[in-house]
Amino acid sequence: MAKTSIVARDAKRLRMIEQYSAKRAELKKLGDLEGLAKLPRNSSPTRRTNRCLETGRSRGYMRQFGLSRISFREHASKGEIPGVTKASW
């Protein structure tokens, strides 16, 4: 489980991205690089990290499912993810 402060920081970044998205798009359209530089750093979408929905783990994230590899394996073993079966050959 990730530290709650790190998960909270990422949630704060997400709120800030949503708050400044319209202004950022307008400044990009006008080509105002100085205006973009004055916006808060955390309002940039590239500063956000993909995190597991359950544990908050950032490494081993599977974008298609929104889970880390560990959480994915647990759910897949229990049969809770539709269309995912254990490989056998």
PDB file of N, CA and C in Angstrom:
ATOM      1  N   MET A   1       0.841  -1.175   0.000  1.00  0.00           N
ATOM      2  CA  MET A   1       0.000   0.000   0.000  1.00  0.00           C
ATOM      3  C   MET A   1       0.888   1.241   0.000  1.00  0.00           C
ATOM      4  N   ALA A   2       0.570   2.170  -0.899  1.00  0.00           N
ATOM      5  CA  ALA A   2       1.353   3.405  -0.990  1.00  0.00           C
ATOM      6  C   ALA A   2       1.027   4.314   0.193  1.00  0.00           C
ATOM      7  N   LYS A   3       1.963   5.207   0.494  1.00  0.00           N
ATOM      8  CA  LYS A   3       1.720   6.166   1.566  1.00  0.00           C
ATOM      9  C   LYS A   3       0.510   7.023   1.210  1.00  0.00           C
ATOM     10  N   THR A   4      -0.312   7.294   2.195  1.00  0.00           N
ATOM     11  CA  THR A   4      -1.532   8.067   1.929  1.00  0.00           C
ATOM     12  C   THR A   4      -1.203   9.493   1.508  1.00  0.00           C
ATOM     13  N   SER A   5      -0.063  10.024   1.957  1.00  0.00           N
ATOM     14  CA  SER A   5       0.311  11.385   1.569  1.00  0.00           C
ATOM     15  C   SER A   5       0.625  11.461   0.072  1.00  0.00           C
ATOM     16  N   ILE A   6       1.232  10.412  -0.463  1.00  0.00           N
ATOM     17  CA  ILE A   6       1.565  10.386  -1.891  1.00  0.00           C
ATOM     18  C   ILE A   6       0.292  10.279  -2.720  1.00  0.00           C
ATOM     19  N   VAL A   7      -0.643   9.442  -2.282  1.00  0.00           N
ATOM     20  CA  VAL A   7      -1.916   9.291  -2.993  1.00  0.00           C
ATOM     21  C   VAL A   7      -2.706  10.596  -2.931  1.00  0.00           C
ATOM     22  N   ALA A   8      -2.693  11.251  -1.776  1.00  0.00           N
ATOM     23  CA  ALA A   8      -3.389  12.527  -1.620  1.00  0.00           C
ATOM     24  C   ALA A   8      -2.761  13.599  -2.501  1.00  0.00           C
ATOM     25  N   ARG A   9      -1.452  13.598  -2.607  1.00  0.00           N
ATOM     26  CA  ARG A   9      -0.751  14.568  -3.456  1.00  0.00           C
ATOM     27  C   ARG A   9      -1.151  14.389  -4.923  1.00  0.00           C
ATOM     28  N   ASP A  10      -1.261  13.133  -5.334  1.00  0.00           N
ATOM     29  CA  ASP A  10      -1.657  12.865  -6.712  1.00  0.00           C
ATOM     30  C   ASP A  10      -3.109  13.271  -6.963  1.00  0.00           C
ATOM     31  N   ALA A  11      -3.973  13.081  -5.968  1.00  0.00           N
ATOM     32  CA  ALA A  11      -5.377  13.510  -6.097  1.00  0.00           C
ATOM     33  C   ALA A  11      -5.461  15.032  -6.200  1.00  0.00           C
ATOM     34  N   LYS A  12      -4.605  15.712  -5.455  1.00  0.00           N
ATOM     35  CA  LYS A  12      -4.556  17.171  -5.515  1.00  0.00           C
ATOM     36  C   LYS A  12      -4.118  17.628  -6.907  1.00  0.00           C
ATOM     37  N   ARG A  13      -3.145  16.933  -7.477  1.00  0.00           N
ATOM     38  CA  ARG A  13      -2.701  17.248  -8.836  1.00  0.00           C
ATOM     39  C   ARG A  13      -3.840  17.065  -9.832  1.00  0.00           C
ATOM     40  N   LEU A  14      -4.614  15.998  -9.664  1.00  0.00           N
ATOM     41  CA  LEU A  14      -5.726  15.742 -10.574  1.00  0.00           C
ATOM     42  C   LEU A  14      -6.752  16.865 -10.514  1.00  0.00           C
ATOM     43  N   ARG A  15      -7.065  17.339  -9.300  1.00  0.00           N
ATOM     44  CA  ARG A  15      -8.000  18.459  -9.161  1.00  0.00           C
ATOM     45  C   ARG A  15      -7.466  19.721  -9.834  1.00  0.00           C
ATOM     46  N   MET A  16      -6.162  19.951  -9.671  1.00  0.00           N
ATOM     47  CA  MET A  16      -5.546  21.140 -10.253  1.00  0.00           C
ATOM     48  C   MET A  16      -5.515  21.060 -11.781  1.00  0.00           C
ATOM     49  N   ILE A  17      -5.299  19.872 -12.316  1.00  0.00           N
ATOM     50  CA  ILE A  17      -5.309  19.678 -13.769  1.00  0.00           C
ATOM     51  C   ILE A  17      -6.685  20.027 -14.328  1.00  0.00           C
ATOM     52  N   GLU A  18      -7.729  19.554 -13.652  1.00  0.00           N
ATOM     53  CA  GLU A  18      -9.096  19.844 -14.093  1.00  0.00           C
ATOM     54  C   GLU A  18      -9.415  21.328 -13.974  1.00  0.00           C
ATOM     55  N   GLN A  19      -8.908  21.962 -12.936  1.00  0.00           N
ATOM     56  CA  GLN A  19      -9.189  23.373 -12.689  1.00  0.00           C
ATOM     57  C   GLN A  19      -8.583  24.267 -13.773  1.00  0.00           C
ATOM     58  N   TYR A  20      -7.363  23.957 -14.200  1.00  0.00           N
ATOM     59  CA  TYR A  20      -6.649  24.809 -15.142  1.00  0.00           C
ATOM     60  C   TYR A  20      -6.707  24.313 -16.591  1.00  0.00           C
ATOM     61  N   SER A  21      -7.445  23.256 -16.883  1.00  0.00           N
ATOM     62  CA  SER A  21      -7.423  22.684 -18.231  1.00  0.00           C
ATOM     63  C   SER A  21      -7.931  23.660 -19.291  1.00  0.00           C
ATOM     64  N   ALA A  22      -9.011  24.388 -18.994  1.00  0.00           N
ATOM     65  CA  ALA A  22      -9.559  25.331 -19.973  1.00  0.00           C
ATOM     66  C   ALA A  22      -8.572  26.472 -20.234  1.00  0.00           C
ATOM     67  N   LYS A  23      -7.997  27.011 -19.181  1.00  0.00           N
ATOM     68  CA  LYS A  23      -7.045  28.113 -19.326  1.00  0.00           C
ATOM     69  C   LYS A  23      -5.796  27.645 -20.066  1.00  0.00           C
ATOM     70  N   ARG A  24      -5.331  26.445 -19.743  1.00  0.00           N
ATOM     71  CA  ARG A  24      -4.154  25.889 -20.406  1.00  0.00           C
ATOM     72  C   ARG A  24      -4.409  25.704 -21.904  1.00  0.00           C
ATOM     73  N   ALA A  25      -5.596  25.201 -22.264  1.00  0.00           N
ATOM     74  CA  ALA A  25      -5.928  24.998 -23.676  1.00  0.00           C
ATOM     75  C   ALA A  25      -5.993  26.332 -24.418  1.00  0.00           C
ATOM     76  N   GLU A  26      -6.549  27.343 -23.765  1.00  0.00           N
ATOM     77  CA  GLU A  26      -6.649  28.669 -24.380  1.00  0.00           C
ATOM     78  C   GLU A  26      -5.261  29.267 -24.619  1.00  0.00           C
ATOM     79  N   LEU A  27      -4.378  29.164 -23.623  1.00  0.00           N
ATOM     80  CA  LEU A  27      -3.023  29.694 -23.763  1.00  0.00           C
ATOM     81  C   LEU A  27      -2.234  28.951 -24.835  1.00  0.00           C
ATOM     82  N   LYS A  28      -2.449  27.640 -24.945  1.00  0.00           N
ATOM     83  CA  LYS A  28      -1.771  26.861 -25.977  1.00  0.00           C
ATOM     84  C   LYS A  28      -2.239  27.287 -27.360  1.00  0.00           C
ATOM     85  N   LYS A  29      -3.553  27.533 -27.480  1.00  0.00           N
ATOM     86  CA  LYS A  29      -4.111  27.931 -28.771  1.00  0.00           C
ATOM     87  C   LYS A  29      -3.543  29.282 -29.210  1.00  0.00           C
ATOM     88  N   LEU A  30      -3.363  30.195 -28.260  1.00  0.00           N
ATOM     89  CA  LEU A  30      -2.811  31.514 -28.564  1.00  0.00           C
ATOM     90  C   LEU A  30      -1.290  31.478 -28.745  1.00  0.00           C
ATOM     91  N   GLY A  31      -0.657  30.425 -28.270  1.00  0.00           N
ATOM     92  CA  GLY A  31       0.798  30.307 -28.364  1.00  0.00           C
ATOM     93  C   GLY A  31       1.520  31.142 -27.322  1.00  0.00           C
ATOM     94  N   ASP A  32       0.857  31.421 -26.217  1.00  0.00           N
ATOM     95  CA  ASP A  32       1.418  32.254 -25.146  1.00  0.00           C
ATOM     96  C   ASP A  32       2.244  31.381 -24.195  1.00  0.00           C
ATOM     97  N   LEU A  33       3.532  31.249 -24.500  1.00  0.00           N
ATOM     98  CA  LEU A  33       4.401  30.395 -23.687  1.00  0.00           C
ATOM     99  C   LEU A  33       4.684  31.003 -22.316  1.00  0.00           C
ATOM    100  N   GLU A  34       4.743  32.329 -22.243  1.00  0.00           N
ATOM    101  CA  GLU A  34       4.987  32.978 -20.951  1.00  0.00           C
ATOM    102  C   GLU A  34       3.800  32.771 -20.008  1.00  0.00           C
ATOM    103  N   GLY A  35       2.597  32.839 -20.557  1.00  0.00           N
ATOM    104  CA  GLY A  35       1.399  32.602 -19.752  1.00  0.00           C
ATOM    105  C   GLY A  35       1.343  31.170 -19.248  1.00  0.00           C
ATOM    106  N   LEU A  36       1.755  30.232 -20.110  1.00  0.00           N
ATOM    107  CA  LEU A  36       1.792  28.824 -19.708  1.00  0.00           C
ATOM    108  C   LEU A  36       2.809  28.612 -18.594  1.00  0.00           C
ATOM    109  N   ALA A  37       3.930  29.312 -18.665  1.00  0.00           N
ATOM    110  CA  ALA A  37       4.975  29.163 -17.648  1.00  0.00           C
ATOM    111  C   ALA A  37       4.518  29.700 -16.295  1.00  0.00           C
ATOM    112  N   LYS A  38       3.576  30.639 -16.296  1.00  0.00           N
ATOM    113  CA  LYS A  38       3.101  31.222 -15.046  1.00  0.00           C
ATOM    114  C   LYS A  38       2.071  30.345 -14.336  1.00  0.00           C
ATOM    115  N   LEU A  39       1.506  29.377 -15.050  1.00  0.00           N
ATOM    116  CA  LEU A  39       0.554  28.457 -14.419  1.00  0.00           C
ATOM    117  C   LEU A  39       1.304  27.567 -13.421  1.00  0.00           C
ATOM    118  N   PRO A  40       0.602  27.047 -12.406  1.00  0.00           N
ATOM    119  CA  PRO A  40       1.264  26.153 -11.437  1.00  0.00           C
ATOM    120  C   PRO A  40       1.802  24.894 -12.115  1.00  0.00           C
ATOM    121  N   ARG A  41       2.917  24.419 -11.632  1.00  0.00           N
ATOM    122  CA  ARG A  41       3.528  23.228 -12.232  1.00  0.00           C
ATOM    123  C   ARG A  41       2.610  22.014 -12.170  1.00  0.00           C
ATOM    124  N   ASN A  42       1.930  21.857 -11.047  1.00  0.00           N
ATOM    125  CA  ASN A  42       1.077  20.682 -10.878  1.00  0.00           C
ATOM    126  C   ASN A  42      -0.191  20.719 -11.709  1.00  0.00           C
ATOM    127  N   SER A  43      -0.411  21.797 -12.458  1.00  0.00           N
ATOM    128  CA  SER A  43      -1.583  21.855 -13.324  1.00  0.00           C
ATOM    129  C   SER A  43      -1.293  21.216 -14.686  1.00  0.00           C
ATOM    130  N   SER A  44      -0.059  20.795 -14.897  1.00  0.00           N
ATOM    131  CA  SER A  44       0.310  20.134 -16.144  1.00  0.00           C
ATOM    132  C   SER A  44      -0.092  18.658 -16.081  1.00  0.00           C
ATOM    133  N   PRO A  45      -0.767  18.149 -17.105  1.00  0.00           N
ATOM    134  CA  PRO A  45      -1.215  16.745 -17.074  1.00  0.00           C
ATOM    135  C   PRO A  45      -0.073  15.732 -17.002  1.00  0.00           C
ATOM    136  N   THR A  46       1.114  16.105 -17.453  1.00  0.00           N
ATOM    137  CA  THR A  46       2.220  15.153 -17.438  1.00  0.00           C
ATOM    138  C   THR A  46       2.775  14.922 -16.040  1.00  0.00           C
ATOM    139  N   ARG A  47       2.415  15.758 -15.077  1.00  0.00           N
ATOM    140  CA  ARG A  47       2.899  15.581 -13.703  1.00  0.00           C
ATOM    141  C   ARG A  47       2.115  14.512 -12.954  1.00  0.00           C
ATOM    142  N   ARG A  48       0.986  14.090 -13.496  1.00  0.00           N
ATOM    143  CA  ARG A  48       0.152  13.092 -12.831  1.00  0.00           C
ATOM    144  C   ARG A  48       0.735  11.696 -13.040  1.00  0.00           C
ATOM    145  N   THR A  49       0.614  10.857 -12.047  1.00  0.00           N
ATOM    146  CA  THR A  49       1.124   9.491 -12.128  1.00  0.00           C
ATOM    147  C   THR A  49      -0.037   8.511 -12.179  1.00  0.00           C
ATOM    148  N   ASN A  50       0.108   7.467 -12.976  1.00  0.00           N
ATOM    149  CA  ASN A  50      -0.890   6.398 -12.968  1.00  0.00           C
ATOM    150  C   ASN A  50      -0.725   5.597 -11.687  1.00  0.00           C
ATOM    151  N   ARG A  51      -1.832   5.380 -10.980  1.00  0.00           N
ATOM    152  CA  ARG A  51      -1.782   4.640  -9.718  1.00  0.00           C
ATOM    153  C   ARG A  51      -2.886   3.587  -9.677  1.00  0.00           C
ATOM    154  N   CYS A  52      -2.609   2.515  -8.968  1.00  0.00           N
ATOM    155  CA  CYS A  52      -3.589   1.453  -8.763  1.00  0.00           C
ATOM    156  C   CYS A  52      -4.779   2.028  -7.992  1.00  0.00           C
ATOM    157  N   LEU A  53      -5.979   1.669  -8.423  1.00  0.00           N
ATOM    158  CA  LEU A  53      -7.190   2.181  -7.778  1.00  0.00           C
ATOM    159  C   LEU A  53      -7.352   1.661  -6.356  1.00  0.00           C
ATOM    160  N   GLU A  54      -6.848   0.475  -6.092  1.00  0.00           N
ATOM    161  CA  GLU A  54      -7.003  -0.140  -4.773  1.00  0.00           C
ATOM    162  C   GLU A  54      -5.889   0.234  -3.805  1.00  0.00           C
ATOM    163  N   THR A  55      -4.650   0.031  -4.241  1.00  0.00           N
ATOM    164  CA  THR A  55      -3.521   0.168  -3.329  1.00  0.00           C
ATOM    165  C   THR A  55      -2.778   1.488  -3.463  1.00  0.00           C
ATOM    166  N   GLY A  56      -2.907   2.163  -4.588  1.00  0.00           N
ATOM    167  CA  GLY A  56      -2.186   3.398  -4.816  1.00  0.00           C
ATOM    168  C   GLY A  56      -0.778   3.174  -5.333  1.00  0.00           C
ATOM    169  N   ARG A  57      -0.439   1.919  -5.617  1.00  0.00           N
ATOM    170  CA  ARG A  57       0.898   1.588  -6.119  1.00  0.00           C
ATOM    171  C   ARG A  57       1.109   2.183  -7.509  1.00  0.00           C
ATOM    172  N   SER A  58       2.285   2.780  -7.729  1.00  0.00           N
ATOM    173  CA  SER A  58       2.552   3.424  -9.014  1.00  0.00           C
ATOM    174  C   SER A  58       3.305   2.517  -9.978  1.00  0.00           C
ATOM    175  N   ARG A  59       4.065   1.591  -9.439  1.00  0.00           N
ATOM    176  CA  ARG A  59       4.833   0.703 -10.313  1.00  0.00           C
ATOM    177  C   ARG A  59       4.024  -0.530 -10.683  1.00  0.00           C
ATOM    178  N   GLY A  60       4.269  -1.054 -11.865  1.00  0.00           N
ATOM    179  CA  GLY A  60       3.558  -2.242 -12.316  1.00  0.00           C
ATOM    180  C   GLY A  60       2.099  -1.964 -12.593  1.00  0.00           C
ATOM    181  N   TYR A  61       1.805  -0.754 -13.058  1.00  0.00           N
ATOM    182  CA  TYR A  61       0.419  -0.336 -13.312  1.00  0.00           C
ATOM    183  C   TYR A  61      -0.040  -0.860 -14.666  1.00  0.00           C
ATOM    184  N   MET A  62      -1.219  -1.459 -14.707  1.00  0.00           N
ATOM    185  CA  MET A  62      -1.802  -1.948 -15.954  1.00  0.00           C
ATOM    186  C   MET A  62      -2.935  -1.010 -16.351  1.00  0.00           C
ATOM    187  N   ARG A  63      -2.682  -0.210 -17.376  1.00  0.00           N
ATOM    188  CA  ARG A  63      -3.592   0.861 -17.777  1.00  0.00           C
ATOM    189  C   ARG A  63      -4.980   0.337 -18.158  1.00  0.00           C
ATOM    190  N   GLN A  64      -5.031  -0.799 -18.817  1.00  0.00           N
ATOM    191  CA  GLN A  64      -6.294  -1.351 -19.291  1.00  0.00           C
ATOM    192  C   GLN A  64      -7.258  -1.666 -18.143  1.00  0.00           C
ATOM    193  N   PHE A  65      -6.720  -2.023 -16.990  1.00  0.00           N
ATOM    194  CA  PHE A  65      -7.551  -2.413 -15.854  1.00  0.00           C
ATOM    195  C   PHE A  65      -7.523  -1.410 -14.714  1.00  0.00           C
ATOM    196  N   GLY A  66      -6.559  -0.502 -14.704  1.00  0.00           N
ATOM    197  CA  GLY A  66      -6.455   0.487 -13.638  1.00  0.00           C
ATOM    198  C   GLY A  66      -5.936  -0.100 -12.339  1.00  0.00           C
ATOM    199  N   LEU A  67      -5.242  -1.231 -12.437  1.00  0.00           N
ATOM    200  CA  LEU A  67      -4.738  -1.925 -11.253  1.00  0.00           C
ATOM    201  C   LEU A  67      -3.240  -2.173 -11.380  1.00  0.00           C
ATOM    202  N   SER A  68      -2.587  -2.389 -10.246  1.00  0.00           N
ATOM    203  CA  SER A  68      -1.189  -2.804 -10.277  1.00  0.00           C
ATOM    204  C   SER A  68      -1.152  -4.300 -10.602  1.00  0.00           C
ATOM    205  N   ARG A  69       0.029  -4.780 -10.932  1.00  0.00           N
ATOM    206  CA  ARG A  69       0.167  -6.190 -11.314  1.00  0.00           C
ATOM    207  C   ARG A  69      -0.239  -7.120 -10.182  1.00  0.00           C
ATOM    208  N   ILE A  70      -0.008  -6.699  -8.950  1.00  0.00           N
ATOM    209  CA  ILE A  70      -0.316  -7.538  -7.797  1.00  0.00           C
ATOM    210  C   ILE A  70      -1.826  -7.638  -7.602  1.00  0.00           C
ATOM    211  N   SER A  71      -2.505  -6.483  -7.631  1.00  0.00           N
ATOM    212  CA  SER A  71      -3.963  -6.470  -7.484  1.00  0.00           C
ATOM    213  C   SER A  71      -4.627  -7.195  -8.650  1.00  0.00           C
ATOM    214  N   PHE A  72      -4.071  -6.999  -9.849  1.00  0.00           N
ATOM    215  CA  PHE A  72      -4.619  -7.666 -11.026  1.00  0.00           C
ATOM    216  C   PHE A  72      -4.557  -9.184 -10.868  1.00  0.00           C
ATOM    217  N   ARG A  73      -3.423  -9.674 -10.392  1.00  0.00           N
ATOM    218  CA  ARG A  73      -3.248 -11.119 -10.237  1.00  0.00           C
ATOM    219  C   ARG A  73      -4.230 -11.690  -9.219  1.00  0.00           C
ATOM    220  N   GLU A  74      -4.440 -10.960  -8.121  1.00  0.00           N
ATOM    221  CA  GLU A  74      -5.385 -11.421  -7.099  1.00  0.00           C
ATOM    222  C   GLU A  74      -6.802 -11.517  -7.670  1.00  0.00           C
ATOM    223  N   HIS A  75      -7.233 -10.467  -8.374  1.00  0.00           N
ATOM    224  CA  HIS A  75      -8.586 -10.457  -8.938  1.00  0.00           C
ATOM    225  C   HIS A  75      -8.747 -11.497 -10.043  1.00  0.00           C
ATOM    226  N   ALA A  76      -7.703 -11.662 -10.852  1.00  0.00           N
ATOM    227  CA  ALA A  76      -7.777 -12.643 -11.937  1.00  0.00           C
ATOM    228  C   ALA A  76      -7.839 -14.064 -11.383  1.00  0.00           C
ATOM    229  N   SER A  77      -7.115 -14.327 -10.317  1.00  0.00           N
ATOM    230  CA  SER A  77      -7.132 -15.661  -9.710  1.00  0.00           C
ATOM    231  C   SER A  77      -8.498 -15.992  -9.133  1.00  0.00           C
ATOM    232  N   LYS A  78      -9.179 -14.971  -8.598  1.00  0.00           N
ATOM    233  CA  LYS A  78     -10.515 -15.174  -8.042  1.00  0.00           C
ATOM    234  C   LYS A  78     -11.589 -15.203  -9.120  1.00  0.00           C
ATOM    235  N   GLY A  79     -11.214 -14.853 -10.361  1.00  0.00           N
ATOM    236  CA  GLY A  79     -12.175 -14.840 -11.461  1.00  0.00           C
ATOM    237  C   GLY A  79     -13.057 -13.610 -11.461  1.00  0.00           C
ATOM    238  N   GLU A  80     -12.583 -12.522 -10.886  1.00  0.00           N
ATOM    239  CA  GLU A  80     -13.392 -11.303 -10.779  1.00  0.00           C
ATOM    240  C   GLU A  80     -13.233 -10.365 -11.971  1.00  0.00           C
ATOM    241  N   ILE A  81     -12.265 -10.657 -12.854  1.00  0.00           N
ATOM    242  CA  ILE A  81     -12.070  -9.820 -14.045  1.00  0.00           C
ATOM    243  C   ILE A  81     -12.616 -10.595 -15.247  1.00  0.00           C
ATOM    244  N   PRO A  82     -13.668 -10.085 -15.891  1.00  0.00           N
ATOM    245  CA  PRO A  82     -14.265 -10.801 -16.998  1.00  0.00           C
ATOM    246  C   PRO A  82     -13.321 -10.931 -18.204  1.00  0.00           C
ATOM    247  N   GLY A  83     -13.292 -12.100 -18.793  1.00  0.00           N
ATOM    248  CA  GLY A  83     -12.481 -12.340 -19.985  1.00  0.00           C
ATOM    249  C   GLY A  83     -11.043 -12.694 -19.715  1.00  0.00           C
ATOM    250  N   VAL A  84     -10.637 -12.736 -18.454  1.00  0.00           N
ATOM    251  CA  VAL A  84      -9.247 -13.054 -18.120  1.00  0.00           C
ATOM    252  C   VAL A  84      -9.212 -14.453 -17.515  1.00  0.00           C
ATOM    253  N   THR A  85      -8.435 -15.326 -18.139  1.00  0.00           N
ATOM    254  CA  THR A  85      -8.270 -16.681 -17.635  1.00  0.00           C
ATOM    255  C   THR A  85      -6.791 -16.992 -17.506  1.00  0.00           C
ATOM    256  N   LYS A  86      -6.471 -17.951 -16.687  1.00  0.00           N
ATOM    257  CA  LYS A  86      -5.096 -18.367 -16.515  1.00  0.00           C
ATOM    258  C   LYS A  86      -4.643 -19.133 -17.759  1.00  0.00           C
ATOM    259  N   ALA A  87      -3.466 -18.799 -18.215  1.00  0.00           N
ATOM    260  CA  ALA A  87      -2.936 -19.441 -19.428  1.00  0.00           C
ATOM    261  C   ALA A  87      -2.531 -20.883 -19.131  1.00  0.00           C
ATOM    262  N   SER A  88      -2.846 -21.762 -20.074  1.00  0.00           N
ATOM    263  CA  SER A  88      -2.379 -23.143 -19.958  1.00  0.00           C
ATOM    264  C   SER A  88      -2.170 -23.683 -21.372  1.00  0.00           C
ATOM    265  N   TRP A  89      -1.050 -24.382 -21.566  1.00  0.00           N
ATOM    266  CA  TRP A  89      -0.757 -24.920 -22.882  1.00  0.00           C
ATOM    267  C   TRP A  89      -0.038 -26.228 -22.792  1.00  0.00           C
TER     268      TRP A  89
END
